[in-house]
Amino acid sequence: MNNMEGYDRYVGQTFDGRYRIIKIIGLGGMSVVFEAYDLVAQKIVALKMLRDEHAADPQQVRRFVNESKVVSMLSHPGIVKIFNYSVRNDTKYIAMEYIEGITLKDYIRKRGVLSFNEIISYTEQILHALEHAHEHNIIHRDIKPHNIMILKDGSVKVADFGIARV
């Protein structure tokens, strides 16, 4: 499948009678992320769905479930919140907090060299989020600019605990 080709078939569908898919917002190595409307909570969420080529792989499904369980144990403003997950049938997804922002990777690509104050601010926020995870015996194991979200107000959210260890 080329880029997001094929995943647009989900736009307009409703998963589990609750999450109506609005549009594709990202594609990663293991998953595709949609903007969705939660009909029960009446708010926009991000729905991270395991890509088709990984949905039948027990190890990938285990990692996916691990991420949802691990992050649901955490409650910190610097960590993306998980609301719900499903691994039933062929549709495996995690419903999570919708973040209006960009990855640190894209931010650096767009801005170029960051200021000293930005570097210190982002680093401190990331470290506070990781400290919270460590206090709950969770190790992220995949900290990189792709997994850090920068919000418009300059706050940071750590995402993608897919290979985390408890």
N, C-alpha and C. Protein backbone atom coordinates (compact mmCIF):
# COMPACT_ATOMS: atom_id res chain seq x y z
N MET A 1 0.84 -1.18 0.00
CA MET A 1 0.00 0.00 0.00
C MET A 1 0.88 1.24 0.00
N ASN A 2 0.62 2.16 -0.85
CA ASN A 2 1.42 3.36 -0.98
C ASN A 2 0.88 4.45 -0.07
N ASN A 3 1.72 4.90 0.86
CA ASN A 3 1.36 5.94 1.82
C ASN A 3 0.01 5.66 2.47
N MET A 4 -0.96 6.55 2.27
CA MET A 4 -2.25 6.41 2.95
C MET A 4 -3.29 5.74 2.08
N GLU A 5 -2.86 5.34 0.88
CA GLU A 5 -3.76 4.69 -0.07
C GLU A 5 -4.42 3.46 0.57
N GLY A 6 -5.69 3.38 0.43
CA GLY A 6 -6.40 2.22 0.97
C GLY A 6 -7.03 2.49 2.32
N TYR A 7 -6.41 3.32 3.13
CA TYR A 7 -6.95 3.60 4.47
C TYR A 7 -8.08 4.62 4.42
N ASP A 8 -8.22 5.31 3.29
CA ASP A 8 -9.33 6.25 3.15
C ASP A 8 -10.68 5.54 3.13
N ARG A 9 -10.66 4.21 2.96
CA ARG A 9 -11.91 3.43 2.99
C ARG A 9 -12.59 3.51 4.36
N TYR A 10 -11.83 3.88 5.39
CA TYR A 10 -12.40 3.98 6.74
C TYR A 10 -13.08 5.32 7.01
N VAL A 11 -12.76 6.33 6.20
CA VAL A 11 -13.36 7.66 6.41
C VAL A 11 -14.87 7.55 6.27
N GLY A 12 -15.58 8.05 7.27
CA GLY A 12 -17.04 7.98 7.29
C GLY A 12 -17.58 6.78 8.06
N GLN A 13 -16.75 5.77 8.27
CA GLN A 13 -17.18 4.60 9.03
C GLN A 13 -17.21 4.92 10.53
N THR A 14 -18.00 4.14 11.27
CA THR A 14 -18.05 4.26 12.72
C THR A 14 -17.61 2.93 13.31
N PHE A 15 -16.60 2.98 14.19
CA PHE A 15 -16.10 1.78 14.85
C PHE A 15 -16.82 1.58 16.16
N ASP A 16 -17.26 0.36 16.40
CA ASP A 16 -17.92 -0.03 17.64
C ASP A 16 -19.08 0.88 18.02
N GLY A 17 -19.75 1.44 17.03
CA GLY A 17 -20.89 2.31 17.29
C GLY A 17 -20.51 3.57 18.04
N ARG A 18 -19.22 3.89 18.09
CA ARG A 18 -18.77 5.01 18.93
C ARG A 18 -17.86 6.01 18.21
N TYR A 19 -16.91 5.53 17.43
CA TYR A 19 -15.89 6.42 16.85
C TYR A 19 -16.11 6.59 15.35
N ARG A 20 -16.57 7.78 14.94
CA ARG A 20 -16.80 8.06 13.52
C ARG A 20 -15.52 8.67 12.94
N ILE A 21 -14.98 8.01 11.93
CA ILE A 21 -13.73 8.43 11.31
C ILE A 21 -13.97 9.66 10.44
N ILE A 22 -13.17 10.70 10.69
CA ILE A 22 -13.29 11.96 9.94
C ILE A 22 -12.27 12.02 8.82
N LYS A 23 -10.99 11.79 9.16
CA LYS A 23 -9.94 11.85 8.14
C LYS A 23 -8.68 11.19 8.65
N ILE A 24 -7.78 10.88 7.73
CA ILE A 24 -6.47 10.34 8.07
C ILE A 24 -5.58 11.51 8.47
N ILE A 25 -4.86 11.34 9.59
CA ILE A 25 -3.94 12.42 10.00
C ILE A 25 -2.49 11.97 10.07
N GLY A 26 -2.23 10.68 9.95
CA GLY A 26 -0.84 10.24 9.97
C GLY A 26 -0.70 8.77 9.67
N LEU A 27 0.51 8.41 9.25
CA LEU A 27 0.80 7.02 8.94
C LEU A 27 2.19 6.71 9.46
N GLY A 28 2.28 5.69 10.30
CA GLY A 28 3.56 5.27 10.85
C GLY A 28 3.91 3.88 10.38
N GLY A 29 4.99 3.35 10.91
CA GLY A 29 5.45 2.02 10.52
C GLY A 29 4.47 0.93 10.86
N MET A 30 3.80 1.06 12.01
CA MET A 30 2.88 0.02 12.47
C MET A 30 1.41 0.41 12.36
N SER A 31 1.14 1.71 12.28
CA SER A 31 -0.25 2.13 12.41
C SER A 31 -0.59 3.32 11.53
N VAL A 32 -1.88 3.51 11.39
CA VAL A 32 -2.43 4.69 10.73
C VAL A 32 -3.25 5.42 11.79
N VAL A 33 -3.18 6.76 11.79
CA VAL A 33 -3.89 7.54 12.79
C VAL A 33 -4.97 8.37 12.10
N PHE A 34 -6.15 8.30 12.66
CA PHE A 34 -7.30 9.05 12.13
C PHE A 34 -7.75 10.10 13.13
N GLU A 35 -8.32 11.16 12.62
CA GLU A 35 -9.11 12.06 13.45
C GLU A 35 -10.51 11.44 13.46
N ALA A 36 -11.09 11.31 14.65
CA ALA A 36 -12.40 10.69 14.76
C ALA A 36 -13.25 11.46 15.77
N TYR A 37 -14.55 11.28 15.65
CA TYR A 37 -15.47 11.90 16.60
C TYR A 37 -16.01 10.81 17.52
N ASP A 38 -15.83 11.00 18.82
CA ASP A 38 -16.34 10.06 19.82
C ASP A 38 -17.80 10.44 20.07
N LEU A 39 -18.72 9.61 19.60
CA LEU A 39 -20.16 9.89 19.72
C LEU A 39 -20.65 9.83 21.15
N VAL A 40 -19.97 9.08 22.02
CA VAL A 40 -20.38 8.98 23.42
C VAL A 40 -19.87 10.17 24.22
N ALA A 41 -18.56 10.45 24.13
CA ALA A 41 -17.97 11.56 24.88
C ALA A 41 -18.21 12.90 24.18
N GLN A 42 -18.65 12.86 22.94
CA GLN A 42 -18.93 14.04 22.12
C GLN A 42 -17.71 14.95 22.02
N LYS A 43 -16.60 14.35 21.54
CA LYS A 43 -15.38 15.14 21.34
C LYS A 43 -14.52 14.47 20.27
N ILE A 44 -13.60 15.24 19.75
CA ILE A 44 -12.65 14.75 18.76
C ILE A 44 -11.57 13.94 19.48
N VAL A 45 -11.22 12.81 18.91
CA VAL A 45 -10.14 11.96 19.43
C VAL A 45 -9.24 11.56 18.26
N ALA A 46 -8.08 11.02 18.60
CA ALA A 46 -7.22 10.39 17.60
C ALA A 46 -7.45 8.89 17.73
N LEU A 47 -7.62 8.24 16.62
CA LEU A 47 -7.83 6.79 16.62
C LEU A 47 -6.63 6.16 15.89
N LYS A 48 -5.82 5.48 16.66
CA LYS A 48 -4.61 4.83 16.11
C LYS A 48 -4.97 3.39 15.81
N MET A 49 -4.91 3.03 14.52
CA MET A 49 -5.32 1.70 14.10
C MET A 49 -4.11 0.94 13.56
N LEU A 50 -4.00 -0.31 13.97
CA LEU A 50 -2.92 -1.16 13.49
C LEU A 50 -3.05 -1.33 11.98
N ARG A 51 -1.97 -1.12 11.26
CA ARG A 51 -1.99 -1.24 9.79
C ARG A 51 -2.37 -2.66 9.39
N ASP A 52 -2.99 -2.77 8.23
CA ASP A 52 -3.49 -4.05 7.71
C ASP A 52 -2.42 -5.14 7.75
N GLU A 53 -1.22 -4.82 7.31
CA GLU A 53 -0.17 -5.84 7.22
C GLU A 53 0.33 -6.33 8.58
N HIS A 54 -0.06 -5.64 9.67
CA HIS A 54 0.36 -6.04 11.02
C HIS A 54 -0.79 -6.62 11.85
N ALA A 55 -2.02 -6.44 11.39
CA ALA A 55 -3.19 -6.81 12.18
C ALA A 55 -3.31 -8.31 12.46
N ALA A 56 -2.68 -9.14 11.63
CA ALA A 56 -2.75 -10.59 11.85
C ALA A 56 -1.51 -11.15 12.53
N ASP A 57 -0.55 -10.28 12.82
CA ASP A 57 0.71 -10.71 13.45
C ASP A 57 0.56 -10.65 14.97
N PRO A 58 0.57 -11.80 15.64
CA PRO A 58 0.35 -11.83 17.10
C PRO A 58 1.34 -10.95 17.88
N GLN A 59 2.59 -10.90 17.43
CA GLN A 59 3.58 -10.07 18.13
C GLN A 59 3.26 -8.58 18.00
N GLN A 60 2.85 -8.15 16.81
CA GLN A 60 2.49 -6.75 16.60
C GLN A 60 1.22 -6.40 17.39
N VAL A 61 0.27 -7.30 17.41
CA VAL A 61 -0.96 -7.07 18.18
C VAL A 61 -0.62 -6.96 19.66
N ARG A 62 0.28 -7.82 20.14
CA ARG A 62 0.71 -7.78 21.54
C ARG A 62 1.35 -6.43 21.88
N ARG A 63 2.20 -5.91 20.98
CA ARG A 63 2.83 -4.59 21.19
C ARG A 63 1.76 -3.51 21.24
N PHE A 64 0.79 -3.62 20.36
CA PHE A 64 -0.29 -2.64 20.28
C PHE A 64 -1.11 -2.62 21.57
N VAL A 65 -1.46 -3.80 22.05
CA VAL A 65 -2.22 -3.91 23.31
C VAL A 65 -1.36 -3.41 24.47
N ASN A 66 -0.08 -3.75 24.45
CA ASN A 66 0.85 -3.31 25.47
C ASN A 66 0.84 -1.79 25.59
N GLU A 67 0.88 -1.10 24.43
CA GLU A 67 0.89 0.35 24.44
C GLU A 67 -0.35 0.90 25.14
N SER A 68 -1.50 0.37 24.80
CA SER A 68 -2.73 0.89 25.39
C SER A 68 -2.78 0.63 26.88
N LYS A 69 -2.35 -0.54 27.31
CA LYS A 69 -2.37 -0.85 28.75
C LYS A 69 -1.37 -0.01 29.52
N VAL A 70 -0.17 0.13 28.96
CA VAL A 70 0.89 0.87 29.63
C VAL A 70 0.49 2.33 29.81
N VAL A 71 0.06 2.97 28.73
CA VAL A 71 -0.24 4.40 28.80
C VAL A 71 -1.48 4.66 29.65
N SER A 72 -2.43 3.72 29.67
CA SER A 72 -3.63 3.94 30.48
C SER A 72 -3.29 3.95 31.98
N MET A 73 -2.11 3.43 32.35
CA MET A 73 -1.67 3.46 33.75
C MET A 73 -1.10 4.82 34.13
N LEU A 74 -0.86 5.68 33.15
CA LEU A 74 -0.20 6.96 33.40
C LEU A 74 -1.19 8.11 33.32
N SER A 75 -0.95 9.12 34.12
CA SER A 75 -1.76 10.33 34.08
C SER A 75 -0.84 11.52 34.30
N HIS A 76 -0.42 12.11 33.21
CA HIS A 76 0.52 13.23 33.27
C HIS A 76 0.22 14.17 32.11
N PRO A 77 0.28 15.48 32.33
CA PRO A 77 -0.03 16.41 31.23
C PRO A 77 0.93 16.32 30.05
N GLY A 78 2.11 15.71 30.25
CA GLY A 78 3.08 15.59 29.18
C GLY A 78 3.04 14.25 28.47
N ILE A 79 2.02 13.45 28.74
CA ILE A 79 1.88 12.14 28.09
C ILE A 79 0.50 12.07 27.45
N VAL A 80 0.46 11.66 26.19
CA VAL A 80 -0.82 11.54 25.48
C VAL A 80 -1.72 10.55 26.21
N LYS A 81 -2.96 10.95 26.46
CA LYS A 81 -3.91 10.12 27.20
C LYS A 81 -4.56 9.07 26.29
N ILE A 82 -4.75 7.88 26.85
CA ILE A 82 -5.46 6.80 26.16
C ILE A 82 -6.86 6.72 26.78
N PHE A 83 -7.89 6.69 25.94
CA PHE A 83 -9.26 6.62 26.42
C PHE A 83 -9.84 5.20 26.35
N ASN A 84 -9.46 4.46 25.31
CA ASN A 84 -10.12 3.19 25.04
C ASN A 84 -9.28 2.42 24.04
N TYR A 85 -9.48 1.11 23.97
CA TYR A 85 -8.84 0.32 22.91
C TYR A 85 -9.68 -0.90 22.59
N SER A 86 -9.45 -1.42 21.39
CA SER A 86 -10.16 -2.62 20.96
C SER A 86 -9.23 -3.44 20.08
N VAL A 87 -9.21 -4.73 20.32
CA VAL A 87 -8.43 -5.64 19.46
C VAL A 87 -9.33 -6.76 18.94
N ARG A 88 -10.60 -6.48 18.86
CA ARG A 88 -11.55 -7.47 18.36
C ARG A 88 -11.47 -7.56 16.84
N ASN A 89 -11.71 -8.74 16.34
CA ASN A 89 -11.81 -8.98 14.89
C ASN A 89 -10.63 -8.42 14.12
N ASP A 90 -10.90 -7.82 12.98
CA ASP A 90 -9.82 -7.34 12.13
C ASP A 90 -9.50 -5.86 12.34
N THR A 91 -10.27 -5.17 13.15
CA THR A 91 -10.03 -3.75 13.42
C THR A 91 -9.47 -3.59 14.82
N LYS A 92 -8.20 -3.21 14.89
CA LYS A 92 -7.53 -3.04 16.16
C LYS A 92 -7.15 -1.58 16.29
N TYR A 93 -7.67 -0.91 17.34
CA TYR A 93 -7.41 0.52 17.47
C TYR A 93 -7.23 0.94 18.92
N ILE A 94 -6.63 2.11 19.07
CA ILE A 94 -6.50 2.78 20.36
C ILE A 94 -7.12 4.17 20.18
N ALA A 95 -8.08 4.51 21.04
CA ALA A 95 -8.66 5.86 21.03
C ALA A 95 -7.88 6.68 22.03
N MET A 96 -7.35 7.80 21.57
CA MET A 96 -6.51 8.62 22.44
C MET A 96 -6.78 10.10 22.26
N GLU A 97 -6.18 10.86 23.14
CA GLU A 97 -6.28 12.31 23.11
C GLU A 97 -5.86 12.83 21.74
N TYR A 98 -6.65 13.74 21.20
CA TYR A 98 -6.32 14.38 19.93
C TYR A 98 -5.40 15.56 20.22
N ILE A 99 -4.25 15.58 19.59
CA ILE A 99 -3.25 16.62 19.83
C ILE A 99 -3.20 17.55 18.62
N GLU A 100 -3.44 18.84 18.87
CA GLU A 100 -3.27 19.82 17.80
C GLU A 100 -1.85 20.34 17.90
N GLY A 101 -1.02 19.82 17.04
CA GLY A 101 0.38 20.20 17.05
C GLY A 101 1.11 19.40 16.00
N ILE A 102 2.45 19.45 16.09
CA ILE A 102 3.27 18.72 15.14
C ILE A 102 4.35 17.95 15.90
N THR A 103 4.93 16.98 15.23
CA THR A 103 6.01 16.24 15.88
C THR A 103 7.22 17.16 16.02
N LEU A 104 8.04 16.84 17.00
CA LEU A 104 9.29 17.59 17.18
C LEU A 104 10.14 17.49 15.92
N LYS A 105 10.10 16.34 15.26
CA LYS A 105 10.86 16.17 14.01
C LYS A 105 10.41 17.19 12.96
N ASP A 106 9.09 17.30 12.76
CA ASP A 106 8.57 18.25 11.78
C ASP A 106 8.83 19.69 12.20
N TYR A 107 8.75 19.95 13.50
CA TYR A 107 9.00 21.30 14.02
C TYR A 107 10.44 21.71 13.73
N ILE A 108 11.39 20.82 13.99
CA ILE A 108 12.81 21.12 13.73
C ILE A 108 13.04 21.30 12.23
N ARG A 109 12.43 20.44 11.44
CA ARG A 109 12.56 20.55 9.97
C ARG A 109 12.04 21.91 9.49
N LYS A 110 10.94 22.36 10.08
CA LYS A 110 10.31 23.62 9.68
C LYS A 110 11.10 24.83 10.20
N ARG A 111 11.53 24.78 11.46
CA ARG A 111 12.18 25.92 12.10
C ARG A 111 13.68 25.98 11.91
N GLY A 112 14.31 24.83 11.71
CA GLY A 112 15.77 24.82 11.67
C GLY A 112 16.30 24.70 13.09
N VAL A 113 17.38 25.39 13.36
CA VAL A 113 18.01 25.33 14.68
C VAL A 113 17.08 25.96 15.72
N LEU A 114 16.85 25.23 16.83
CA LEU A 114 15.98 25.74 17.88
C LEU A 114 16.78 26.66 18.81
N SER A 115 16.07 27.56 19.45
CA SER A 115 16.73 28.45 20.41
C SER A 115 17.11 27.66 21.66
N PHE A 116 18.04 28.19 22.40
CA PHE A 116 18.47 27.57 23.65
C PHE A 116 17.27 27.40 24.59
N ASN A 117 16.43 28.44 24.69
CA ASN A 117 15.26 28.37 25.58
C ASN A 117 14.27 27.28 25.16
N GLU A 118 14.07 27.12 23.86
CA GLU A 118 13.19 26.06 23.38
C GLU A 118 13.76 24.69 23.73
N ILE A 119 15.05 24.52 23.49
CA ILE A 119 15.70 23.24 23.78
C ILE A 119 15.54 22.89 25.25
N ILE A 120 15.81 23.84 26.14
CA ILE A 120 15.70 23.60 27.58
C ILE A 120 14.25 23.29 27.96
N SER A 121 13.31 24.09 27.45
CA SER A 121 11.89 23.89 27.78
C SER A 121 11.41 22.51 27.33
N TYR A 122 11.67 22.15 26.08
CA TYR A 122 11.22 20.86 25.57
C TYR A 122 11.87 19.71 26.32
N THR A 123 13.17 19.83 26.57
CA THR A 123 13.89 18.77 27.28
C THR A 123 13.33 18.57 28.68
N GLU A 124 13.11 19.67 29.41
CA GLU A 124 12.55 19.56 30.77
C GLU A 124 11.18 18.90 30.75
N GLN A 125 10.34 19.29 29.81
CA GLN A 125 8.99 18.72 29.73
C GLN A 125 9.04 17.22 29.41
N ILE A 126 9.90 16.85 28.48
CA ILE A 126 10.05 15.43 28.13
C ILE A 126 10.54 14.65 29.34
N LEU A 127 11.53 15.20 30.04
CA LEU A 127 12.08 14.51 31.21
C LEU A 127 11.06 14.38 32.34
N HIS A 128 10.21 15.39 32.53
CA HIS A 128 9.16 15.29 33.55
C HIS A 128 8.17 14.18 33.20
N ALA A 129 7.81 14.08 31.91
CA ALA A 129 6.89 13.02 31.48
C ALA A 129 7.54 11.65 31.67
N LEU A 130 8.81 11.53 31.30
CA LEU A 130 9.50 10.24 31.46
C LEU A 130 9.69 9.90 32.93
N GLU A 131 9.94 10.92 33.75
CA GLU A 131 10.06 10.68 35.19
C GLU A 131 8.77 10.08 35.74
N HIS A 132 7.63 10.62 35.30
CA HIS A 132 6.33 10.09 35.72
C HIS A 132 6.19 8.63 35.30
N ALA A 133 6.56 8.34 34.06
CA ALA A 133 6.49 6.95 33.58
C ALA A 133 7.40 6.06 34.41
N HIS A 134 8.61 6.52 34.70
CA HIS A 134 9.57 5.73 35.47
C HIS A 134 9.08 5.49 36.90
N GLU A 135 8.40 6.47 37.47
CA GLU A 135 7.83 6.30 38.81
C GLU A 135 6.77 5.20 38.82
N HIS A 136 6.21 4.89 37.65
CA HIS A 136 5.23 3.81 37.51
C HIS A 136 5.86 2.57 36.88
N ASN A 137 7.20 2.53 36.94
CA ASN A 137 7.97 1.38 36.44
C ASN A 137 7.78 1.13 34.95
N ILE A 138 7.59 2.19 34.18
CA ILE A 138 7.43 2.08 32.73
C ILE A 138 8.59 2.78 32.04
N ILE A 139 9.24 2.06 31.14
CA ILE A 139 10.35 2.60 30.36
C ILE A 139 9.86 2.74 28.91
N HIS A 140 9.93 3.94 28.36
CA HIS A 140 9.41 4.23 27.02
C HIS A 140 10.16 3.45 25.94
N ARG A 141 11.46 3.52 25.91
CA ARG A 141 12.36 2.81 24.99
C ARG A 141 12.34 3.28 23.54
N ASP A 142 11.64 4.35 23.23
CA ASP A 142 11.63 4.81 21.83
C ASP A 142 11.50 6.33 21.77
N ILE A 143 12.23 7.02 22.62
CA ILE A 143 12.18 8.48 22.60
C ILE A 143 12.97 8.98 21.40
N LYS A 144 12.28 9.69 20.54
CA LYS A 144 12.89 10.29 19.36
C LYS A 144 11.96 11.42 18.92
N PRO A 145 12.44 12.34 18.09
CA PRO A 145 11.62 13.49 17.68
C PRO A 145 10.27 13.11 17.05
N HIS A 146 10.16 11.92 16.44
CA HIS A 146 8.89 11.47 15.84
C HIS A 146 7.82 11.25 16.91
N ASN A 147 8.24 10.92 18.13
CA ASN A 147 7.31 10.54 19.20
C ASN A 147 7.09 11.63 20.23
N ILE A 148 7.50 12.84 19.89
CA ILE A 148 7.28 14.01 20.75
C ILE A 148 6.41 14.98 19.97
N MET A 149 5.29 15.36 20.57
CA MET A 149 4.40 16.33 19.94
C MET A 149 4.60 17.71 20.57
N ILE A 150 4.68 18.72 19.72
CA ILE A 150 4.80 20.11 20.17
C ILE A 150 3.46 20.78 19.90
N LEU A 151 2.86 21.32 20.96
CA LEU A 151 1.58 22.00 20.83
C LEU A 151 1.81 23.48 20.56
N LYS A 152 0.78 24.17 20.12
CA LYS A 152 0.90 25.59 19.76
C LYS A 152 1.35 26.45 20.93
N ASP A 153 0.99 26.06 22.15
CA ASP A 153 1.36 26.86 23.32
C ASP A 153 2.78 26.55 23.82
N GLY A 154 3.50 25.68 23.10
CA GLY A 154 4.87 25.34 23.48
C GLY A 154 4.97 24.16 24.42
N SER A 155 3.83 23.60 24.80
CA SER A 155 3.90 22.42 25.67
C SER A 155 4.18 21.18 24.82
N VAL A 156 4.64 20.15 25.51
CA VAL A 156 5.11 18.93 24.87
C VAL A 156 4.29 17.74 25.36
N LYS A 157 4.04 16.79 24.46
CA LYS A 157 3.37 15.54 24.80
C LYS A 157 4.22 14.38 24.27
N VAL A 158 4.53 13.44 25.14
CA VAL A 158 5.25 12.24 24.73
C VAL A 158 4.21 11.23 24.27
N ALA A 159 4.48 10.63 23.11
CA ALA A 159 3.54 9.67 22.52
C ALA A 159 4.26 8.37 22.18
N ASP A 160 3.50 7.41 21.72
CA ASP A 160 3.96 6.13 21.18
C ASP A 160 4.78 5.31 22.18
N PHE A 161 4.07 4.66 23.07
CA PHE A 161 4.67 3.76 24.04
C PHE A 161 4.61 2.31 23.54
N GLY A 162 4.63 2.14 22.22
CA GLY A 162 4.45 0.83 21.60
C GLY A 162 5.46 -0.22 22.00
N ILE A 163 6.69 0.17 22.31
CA ILE A 163 7.69 -0.83 22.72
C ILE A 163 8.13 -0.61 24.17
N ALA A 164 7.28 0.08 24.93
CA ALA A 164 7.59 0.32 26.34
C ALA A 164 7.65 -0.98 27.11
N ARG A 165 8.38 -0.97 28.22
CA ARG A 165 8.48 -2.13 29.12
C ARG A 165 8.06 -1.71 30.51
N VAL A 166 7.34 -2.61 31.15
CA VAL A 166 6.96 -2.40 32.55
C VAL A 166 7.95 -3.17 33.40
